[in-house]
Amino acid sequence: MEHAKFVHLHLHTNYSLLDGGIRPEELFALAKEYKMPAVAMTDHGNIFGAIEFYKKAIASGIKPIIGCEIYVAPGKMTERIPPRSGGEGAHHLVLLVKNIKGYHNLCKLLTKAYLEGFYYKPRVDKELLMEHNEGLIALGACLQGEVSNLAM
């Protein structure tokens, strides 16, 4: 069977609070309809839906790609400086899991983001990213990504 030449690598599900609405079963029905062999889940700041997403993808014959759109603090994640000029105070970065080591590293990053870096949102810093980057693929995210933000 011929596959589509496009695969979603940045997609928010209903677990991306206030930012995504698609449920996994609807997503995989559409992915099959459009002949997509794989689809990524990159919810904002969490992987709460990862197990449901993974199981339903496999049951649908779609390759699941687990990921997350994380928040990267401009400095240290432990700093509590109010965001300047109405900004978020954190850049967005999409991380995709490449293997089991990457999954474990993403879990470590998110755990530390919630327990140690939370300030308005669960944040990490570049130092923590350098410690736990093995098995992860980084994408520029959206207009709130650091590269996009600097280009504007």
N, C-alpha and C. Protein backbone atom coordinates (compact mmCIF):
# COMPACT_ATOMS: atom_id res chain seq x y z
N MET A 1 0.84 -1.18 0.00
CA MET A 1 0.00 0.00 0.00
C MET A 1 0.89 1.25 0.00
N GLU A 2 0.55 2.20 -0.81
CA GLU A 2 1.27 3.48 -0.89
C GLU A 2 0.94 4.33 0.34
N HIS A 3 1.98 4.87 0.98
CA HIS A 3 1.79 5.73 2.15
C HIS A 3 1.82 7.19 1.74
N ALA A 4 1.21 8.02 2.57
CA ALA A 4 1.26 9.47 2.37
C ALA A 4 2.70 9.96 2.53
N LYS A 5 3.01 11.06 1.92
CA LYS A 5 4.34 11.64 2.04
C LYS A 5 4.41 12.66 3.19
N PHE A 6 3.36 12.72 3.98
CA PHE A 6 3.29 13.66 5.10
C PHE A 6 2.91 12.92 6.36
N VAL A 7 3.59 13.25 7.44
CA VAL A 7 3.28 12.69 8.76
C VAL A 7 3.29 13.84 9.76
N HIS A 8 2.27 13.92 10.60
CA HIS A 8 2.23 14.96 11.63
C HIS A 8 3.29 14.68 12.69
N LEU A 9 4.18 15.64 12.91
CA LEU A 9 5.20 15.52 13.96
C LEU A 9 4.97 16.52 15.09
N HIS A 10 3.96 17.35 14.96
CA HIS A 10 3.63 18.32 16.01
C HIS A 10 2.11 18.42 16.06
N LEU A 11 1.54 17.71 17.00
CA LEU A 11 0.08 17.62 17.08
C LEU A 11 -0.37 17.56 18.53
N HIS A 12 -1.35 18.38 18.87
CA HIS A 12 -1.88 18.42 20.24
C HIS A 12 -3.18 17.63 20.31
N THR A 13 -3.26 16.74 21.27
CA THR A 13 -4.49 15.96 21.49
C THR A 13 -5.33 16.64 22.56
N ASN A 14 -6.41 15.98 22.95
CA ASN A 14 -7.27 16.51 23.99
C ASN A 14 -6.57 16.54 25.36
N TYR A 15 -5.39 15.96 25.47
CA TYR A 15 -4.62 16.03 26.71
C TYR A 15 -3.80 17.32 26.79
N SER A 16 -3.74 18.08 25.72
CA SER A 16 -3.05 19.36 25.71
C SER A 16 -4.07 20.41 26.13
N LEU A 17 -4.16 20.61 27.42
CA LEU A 17 -5.23 21.40 28.01
C LEU A 17 -5.37 22.78 27.37
N LEU A 18 -6.58 23.10 26.96
CA LEU A 18 -6.96 24.36 26.34
C LEU A 18 -6.30 24.63 25.00
N ASP A 19 -5.66 23.62 24.40
CA ASP A 19 -4.96 23.88 23.14
C ASP A 19 -5.20 22.80 22.09
N GLY A 20 -5.77 21.69 22.46
CA GLY A 20 -6.00 20.63 21.49
C GLY A 20 -7.31 19.94 21.79
N GLY A 21 -7.94 19.43 20.78
CA GLY A 21 -9.23 18.80 21.01
C GLY A 21 -9.40 17.42 20.42
N ILE A 22 -8.46 17.00 19.57
CA ILE A 22 -8.66 15.73 18.88
C ILE A 22 -8.42 14.56 19.82
N ARG A 23 -9.33 13.60 19.78
CA ARG A 23 -9.19 12.39 20.58
C ARG A 23 -8.44 11.35 19.75
N PRO A 24 -7.64 10.50 20.41
CA PRO A 24 -6.84 9.52 19.67
C PRO A 24 -7.63 8.67 18.66
N GLU A 25 -8.82 8.19 19.04
CA GLU A 25 -9.56 7.34 18.09
C GLU A 25 -9.94 8.11 16.82
N GLU A 26 -10.29 9.38 16.94
CA GLU A 26 -10.59 10.21 15.76
C GLU A 26 -9.33 10.47 14.95
N LEU A 27 -8.23 10.73 15.65
CA LEU A 27 -6.96 10.99 15.00
C LEU A 27 -6.53 9.80 14.14
N PHE A 28 -6.60 8.59 14.70
CA PHE A 28 -6.12 7.42 13.97
C PHE A 28 -7.05 7.04 12.83
N ALA A 29 -8.32 7.31 12.96
CA ALA A 29 -9.24 7.08 11.85
C ALA A 29 -8.87 8.00 10.67
N LEU A 30 -8.57 9.25 10.97
CA LEU A 30 -8.17 10.19 9.92
C LEU A 30 -6.80 9.83 9.34
N ALA A 31 -5.87 9.42 10.21
CA ALA A 31 -4.54 9.03 9.73
C ALA A 31 -4.64 7.86 8.76
N LYS A 32 -5.51 6.89 9.08
CA LYS A 32 -5.72 5.75 8.18
C LYS A 32 -6.34 6.21 6.87
N GLU A 33 -7.33 7.08 6.97
CA GLU A 33 -8.02 7.59 5.78
C GLU A 33 -7.02 8.29 4.84
N TYR A 34 -6.09 9.05 5.41
CA TYR A 34 -5.10 9.77 4.61
C TYR A 34 -3.82 8.97 4.40
N LYS A 35 -3.84 7.69 4.77
CA LYS A 35 -2.72 6.75 4.55
C LYS A 35 -1.42 7.19 5.21
N MET A 36 -1.52 7.80 6.39
CA MET A 36 -0.33 8.19 7.14
C MET A 36 0.18 6.98 7.92
N PRO A 37 1.43 6.61 7.74
CA PRO A 37 1.95 5.43 8.45
C PRO A 37 2.27 5.70 9.92
N ALA A 38 2.40 6.98 10.28
CA ALA A 38 2.76 7.35 11.65
C ALA A 38 2.15 8.69 12.00
N VAL A 39 2.10 8.98 13.29
CA VAL A 39 1.60 10.26 13.79
C VAL A 39 2.26 10.53 15.14
N ALA A 40 2.59 11.79 15.41
CA ALA A 40 3.20 12.15 16.69
C ALA A 40 2.18 12.84 17.59
N MET A 41 2.36 12.66 18.88
CA MET A 41 1.59 13.37 19.90
C MET A 41 2.58 14.27 20.63
N THR A 42 2.36 15.59 20.56
CA THR A 42 3.27 16.55 21.21
C THR A 42 2.46 17.56 22.01
N ASP A 43 1.79 17.08 23.03
CA ASP A 43 0.97 17.95 23.85
C ASP A 43 1.82 18.96 24.61
N HIS A 44 1.21 20.06 25.01
CA HIS A 44 1.90 21.12 25.75
C HIS A 44 2.23 20.67 27.17
N GLY A 45 3.53 20.57 27.47
CA GLY A 45 3.99 20.38 28.83
C GLY A 45 3.66 19.06 29.50
N ASN A 46 3.14 18.09 28.76
CA ASN A 46 2.81 16.82 29.40
C ASN A 46 2.75 15.68 28.40
N ILE A 47 2.82 14.47 28.93
CA ILE A 47 2.60 13.26 28.13
C ILE A 47 1.53 12.39 28.83
N PHE A 48 0.54 13.07 29.40
CA PHE A 48 -0.51 12.37 30.14
C PHE A 48 -1.24 11.34 29.28
N GLY A 49 -1.37 11.60 27.99
CA GLY A 49 -2.10 10.70 27.11
C GLY A 49 -1.23 9.69 26.38
N ALA A 50 0.04 9.58 26.74
CA ALA A 50 0.99 8.75 25.98
C ALA A 50 0.60 7.27 25.92
N ILE A 51 0.16 6.71 27.01
CA ILE A 51 -0.17 5.28 27.02
C ILE A 51 -1.40 5.02 26.17
N GLU A 52 -2.45 5.83 26.36
CA GLU A 52 -3.66 5.68 25.54
C GLU A 52 -3.32 5.88 24.06
N PHE A 53 -2.55 6.92 23.76
CA PHE A 53 -2.14 7.22 22.39
C PHE A 53 -1.39 6.03 21.78
N TYR A 54 -0.43 5.50 22.50
CA TYR A 54 0.39 4.39 22.02
C TYR A 54 -0.46 3.15 21.75
N LYS A 55 -1.28 2.77 22.70
CA LYS A 55 -2.11 1.56 22.55
C LYS A 55 -3.09 1.69 21.39
N LYS A 56 -3.74 2.84 21.28
CA LYS A 56 -4.73 3.03 20.20
C LYS A 56 -4.05 3.13 18.84
N ALA A 57 -2.87 3.69 18.78
CA ALA A 57 -2.13 3.76 17.52
C ALA A 57 -1.78 2.36 17.04
N ILE A 58 -1.21 1.56 17.93
CA ILE A 58 -0.83 0.18 17.58
C ILE A 58 -2.06 -0.60 17.12
N ALA A 59 -3.17 -0.47 17.85
CA ALA A 59 -4.41 -1.17 17.48
C ALA A 59 -4.93 -0.72 16.12
N SER A 60 -4.61 0.51 15.72
CA SER A 60 -5.06 1.05 14.44
C SER A 60 -4.08 0.79 13.30
N GLY A 61 -2.93 0.20 13.63
CA GLY A 61 -1.92 -0.04 12.60
C GLY A 61 -1.12 1.20 12.24
N ILE A 62 -1.08 2.18 13.13
CA ILE A 62 -0.35 3.43 12.91
C ILE A 62 0.85 3.44 13.86
N LYS A 63 2.01 3.87 13.36
CA LYS A 63 3.19 3.97 14.22
C LYS A 63 3.05 5.19 15.12
N PRO A 64 3.07 5.00 16.45
CA PRO A 64 2.97 6.14 17.37
C PRO A 64 4.34 6.78 17.58
N ILE A 65 4.36 8.10 17.58
CA ILE A 65 5.58 8.84 17.90
C ILE A 65 5.23 9.69 19.13
N ILE A 66 5.84 9.36 20.25
CA ILE A 66 5.57 10.08 21.49
C ILE A 66 6.48 11.30 21.56
N GLY A 67 5.92 12.39 21.99
CA GLY A 67 6.70 13.60 22.14
C GLY A 67 6.00 14.59 23.04
N CYS A 68 6.55 15.78 23.13
CA CYS A 68 5.98 16.82 23.98
C CYS A 68 6.49 18.18 23.52
N GLU A 69 5.63 19.17 23.60
CA GLU A 69 6.06 20.55 23.39
C GLU A 69 6.37 21.11 24.77
N ILE A 70 7.67 21.17 25.08
CA ILE A 70 8.08 21.58 26.42
C ILE A 70 8.32 23.09 26.46
N TYR A 71 8.47 23.60 27.66
CA TYR A 71 8.77 25.01 27.88
C TYR A 71 10.20 25.13 28.40
N VAL A 72 11.00 25.97 27.73
CA VAL A 72 12.39 26.17 28.11
C VAL A 72 12.54 27.57 28.70
N ALA A 73 12.96 27.61 29.96
CA ALA A 73 13.15 28.89 30.65
C ALA A 73 14.25 29.70 29.96
N PRO A 74 14.14 31.02 29.95
CA PRO A 74 15.17 31.84 29.31
C PRO A 74 16.52 31.77 30.03
N GLY A 75 16.51 31.50 31.31
CA GLY A 75 17.74 31.34 32.09
C GLY A 75 17.66 30.01 32.84
N LYS A 76 17.90 30.07 34.13
CA LYS A 76 17.75 28.88 34.97
C LYS A 76 16.28 28.60 35.22
N MET A 77 15.92 27.33 35.22
CA MET A 77 14.51 26.97 35.42
C MET A 77 14.03 27.27 36.84
N THR A 78 14.96 27.45 37.76
CA THR A 78 14.59 27.75 39.15
C THR A 78 14.38 29.24 39.39
N GLU A 79 14.75 30.10 38.41
CA GLU A 79 14.53 31.54 38.56
C GLU A 79 13.06 31.86 38.46
N ARG A 80 12.60 32.77 39.28
CA ARG A 80 11.19 33.16 39.30
C ARG A 80 11.06 34.64 38.96
N ILE A 81 11.44 34.99 37.73
CA ILE A 81 11.38 36.37 37.27
C ILE A 81 10.12 36.52 36.44
N PRO A 82 9.27 37.51 36.75
CA PRO A 82 8.02 37.68 35.98
C PRO A 82 8.31 37.88 34.49
N PRO A 83 7.48 37.32 33.63
CA PRO A 83 7.66 37.49 32.18
C PRO A 83 7.63 38.98 31.81
N ARG A 84 8.55 39.38 30.96
CA ARG A 84 8.64 40.78 30.52
C ARG A 84 7.67 41.07 29.38
N SER A 85 7.17 42.24 29.35
CA SER A 85 6.32 42.78 28.28
C SER A 85 5.24 41.80 27.80
N GLY A 86 4.59 41.15 28.72
CA GLY A 86 3.46 40.28 28.39
C GLY A 86 3.82 38.94 27.79
N GLY A 87 5.11 38.62 27.69
CA GLY A 87 5.51 37.33 27.12
C GLY A 87 5.29 36.18 28.09
N GLU A 88 5.56 34.97 27.63
CA GLU A 88 5.35 33.79 28.46
C GLU A 88 6.47 33.54 29.44
N GLY A 89 7.65 34.05 29.15
CA GLY A 89 8.77 33.78 30.03
C GLY A 89 9.41 32.43 29.77
N ALA A 90 9.01 31.77 28.69
CA ALA A 90 9.60 30.49 28.31
C ALA A 90 9.43 30.29 26.81
N HIS A 91 10.41 29.64 26.20
CA HIS A 91 10.33 29.31 24.78
C HIS A 91 9.78 27.90 24.63
N HIS A 92 9.10 27.64 23.54
CA HIS A 92 8.57 26.31 23.26
C HIS A 92 9.61 25.51 22.48
N LEU A 93 9.65 24.21 22.74
CA LEU A 93 10.55 23.30 22.04
C LEU A 93 9.85 21.95 21.95
N VAL A 94 9.76 21.40 20.75
CA VAL A 94 9.16 20.07 20.57
C VAL A 94 10.25 19.02 20.68
N LEU A 95 10.00 18.03 21.54
CA LEU A 95 10.91 16.89 21.68
C LEU A 95 10.17 15.63 21.28
N LEU A 96 10.79 14.86 20.38
CA LEU A 96 10.23 13.57 19.95
C LEU A 96 11.10 12.45 20.50
N VAL A 97 10.44 11.39 20.94
CA VAL A 97 11.13 10.23 21.48
C VAL A 97 11.61 9.34 20.34
N LYS A 98 12.90 9.03 20.36
CA LYS A 98 13.52 8.20 19.33
C LYS A 98 13.59 6.73 19.75
N ASN A 99 13.75 6.49 21.06
CA ASN A 99 13.91 5.14 21.58
C ASN A 99 13.55 5.13 23.06
N ILE A 100 13.74 4.00 23.72
CA ILE A 100 13.35 3.87 25.13
C ILE A 100 14.17 4.82 26.01
N LYS A 101 15.44 5.03 25.69
CA LYS A 101 16.27 5.98 26.44
C LYS A 101 15.68 7.39 26.31
N GLY A 102 15.22 7.73 25.13
CA GLY A 102 14.59 9.02 24.91
C GLY A 102 13.31 9.18 25.72
N TYR A 103 12.53 8.10 25.79
CA TYR A 103 11.30 8.14 26.60
C TYR A 103 11.64 8.39 28.07
N HIS A 104 12.64 7.67 28.57
CA HIS A 104 13.05 7.86 29.97
C HIS A 104 13.56 9.28 30.19
N ASN A 105 14.32 9.80 29.24
CA ASN A 105 14.83 11.17 29.37
C ASN A 105 13.70 12.20 29.32
N LEU A 106 12.72 11.99 28.45
CA LEU A 106 11.58 12.90 28.40
C LEU A 106 10.83 12.87 29.73
N CYS A 107 10.66 11.70 30.29
CA CYS A 107 9.99 11.57 31.60
C CYS A 107 10.77 12.32 32.67
N LYS A 108 12.10 12.19 32.67
CA LYS A 108 12.93 12.91 33.64
C LYS A 108 12.80 14.42 33.47
N LEU A 109 12.85 14.88 32.22
CA LEU A 109 12.72 16.31 31.95
C LEU A 109 11.38 16.86 32.45
N LEU A 110 10.31 16.15 32.14
CA LEU A 110 8.99 16.63 32.54
C LEU A 110 8.79 16.57 34.05
N THR A 111 9.32 15.55 34.68
CA THR A 111 9.21 15.44 36.14
C THR A 111 9.92 16.62 36.81
N LYS A 112 11.14 16.90 36.37
CA LYS A 112 11.89 18.03 36.93
C LYS A 112 11.22 19.36 36.58
N ALA A 113 10.63 19.44 35.40
CA ALA A 113 9.94 20.67 34.99
C ALA A 113 8.79 20.98 35.95
N TYR A 114 8.05 19.96 36.34
CA TYR A 114 6.92 20.17 37.26
C TYR A 114 7.38 20.37 38.70
N LEU A 115 8.35 19.58 39.15
CA LEU A 115 8.74 19.63 40.56
C LEU A 115 9.75 20.73 40.89
N GLU A 116 10.61 21.10 39.94
CA GLU A 116 11.66 22.07 40.23
C GLU A 116 11.56 23.35 39.41
N GLY A 117 11.00 23.29 38.21
CA GLY A 117 11.01 24.44 37.33
C GLY A 117 9.68 25.13 37.15
N PHE A 118 8.64 24.67 37.85
CA PHE A 118 7.31 25.22 37.61
C PHE A 118 7.23 26.69 38.03
N TYR A 119 6.90 27.54 37.07
CA TYR A 119 6.64 28.95 37.29
C TYR A 119 5.67 29.36 36.19
N TYR A 120 4.42 29.40 36.48
CA TYR A 120 3.32 29.58 35.52
C TYR A 120 3.12 28.31 34.69
N LYS A 121 4.23 27.69 34.27
CA LYS A 121 4.20 26.47 33.45
C LYS A 121 5.36 25.58 33.87
N PRO A 122 5.29 24.29 33.54
CA PRO A 122 6.42 23.40 33.86
C PRO A 122 7.59 23.67 32.90
N ARG A 123 8.72 24.19 33.44
CA ARG A 123 9.83 24.61 32.59
C ARG A 123 11.10 23.81 32.87
N VAL A 124 11.91 23.67 31.83
CA VAL A 124 13.26 23.12 31.97
C VAL A 124 14.22 24.22 31.55
N ASP A 125 15.52 23.97 31.71
CA ASP A 125 16.50 24.91 31.19
C ASP A 125 17.46 24.17 30.27
N LYS A 126 18.33 24.90 29.62
CA LYS A 126 19.24 24.29 28.64
C LYS A 126 20.22 23.33 29.31
N GLU A 127 20.61 23.64 30.53
CA GLU A 127 21.51 22.75 31.27
C GLU A 127 20.87 21.37 31.47
N LEU A 128 19.62 21.36 31.88
CA LEU A 128 18.90 20.09 32.08
C LEU A 128 18.71 19.36 30.75
N LEU A 129 18.43 20.12 29.68
CA LEU A 129 18.30 19.52 28.35
C LEU A 129 19.60 18.85 27.91
N MET A 130 20.72 19.47 28.23
CA MET A 130 22.01 18.87 27.86
C MET A 130 22.28 17.58 28.64
N GLU A 131 21.79 17.51 29.87
CA GLU A 131 21.95 16.31 30.69
C GLU A 131 21.10 15.15 30.19
N HIS A 132 19.92 15.45 29.69
CA HIS A 132 18.93 14.42 29.36
C HIS A 132 18.46 14.51 27.91
N ASN A 133 19.40 14.58 26.96
CA ASN A 133 19.00 14.71 25.55
C ASN A 133 19.12 13.43 24.75
N GLU A 134 19.77 12.42 25.29
CA GLU A 134 19.97 11.18 24.52
C GLU A 134 18.63 10.55 24.16
N GLY A 135 18.52 10.14 22.91
CA GLY A 135 17.30 9.48 22.45
C GLY A 135 16.16 10.42 22.13
N LEU A 136 16.44 11.72 22.10
CA LEU A 136 15.41 12.71 21.79
C LEU A 136 15.77 13.48 20.53
N ILE A 137 14.76 13.86 19.77
CA ILE A 137 14.92 14.69 18.57
C ILE A 137 14.20 16.00 18.86
N ALA A 138 14.89 17.12 18.67
CA ALA A 138 14.30 18.43 18.94
C ALA A 138 13.85 19.10 17.64
N LEU A 139 12.68 19.72 17.69
CA LEU A 139 12.13 20.50 16.58
C LEU A 139 11.90 21.92 17.06
N GLY A 140 11.89 22.85 16.16
CA GLY A 140 11.77 24.27 16.50
C GLY A 140 10.47 24.70 17.11
N ALA A 141 9.46 23.91 17.10
CA ALA A 141 8.15 24.20 17.70
C ALA A 141 7.36 25.18 16.85
N CYS A 142 6.98 26.29 17.44
CA CYS A 142 6.05 27.22 16.80
C CYS A 142 6.64 28.63 16.86
N LEU A 143 5.81 29.65 16.73
CA LEU A 143 6.30 31.02 16.80
C LEU A 143 6.85 31.36 18.18
N GLN A 144 6.51 30.56 19.20
CA GLN A 144 7.03 30.78 20.54
C GLN A 144 8.35 30.04 20.77
N GLY A 145 8.87 29.37 19.72
CA GLY A 145 10.16 28.73 19.82
C GLY A 145 11.27 29.77 19.86
N GLU A 146 12.42 29.42 20.39
CA GLU A 146 13.51 30.37 20.54
C GLU A 146 14.01 30.89 19.19
N VAL A 147 14.20 30.00 18.22
CA VAL A 147 14.69 30.42 16.90
C VAL A 147 13.67 31.33 16.22
N SER A 148 12.40 30.95 16.24
CA SER A 148 11.35 31.78 15.63
C SER A 148 11.29 33.13 16.31
N ASN A 149 11.38 33.12 17.62
CA ASN A 149 11.31 34.36 18.39
C ASN A 149 12.45 35.29 18.06
N LEU A 150 13.65 34.77 17.89
CA LEU A 150 14.81 35.59 17.55
C LEU A 150 14.73 36.12 16.13
N ALA A 151 14.08 35.38 15.25
CA ALA A 151 13.96 35.79 13.85
C ALA A 151 12.94 36.90 13.65
N MET A 152 12.06 37.08 14.60
CA MET A 152 11.00 38.08 14.44
C MET A 152 11.47 39.47 14.76
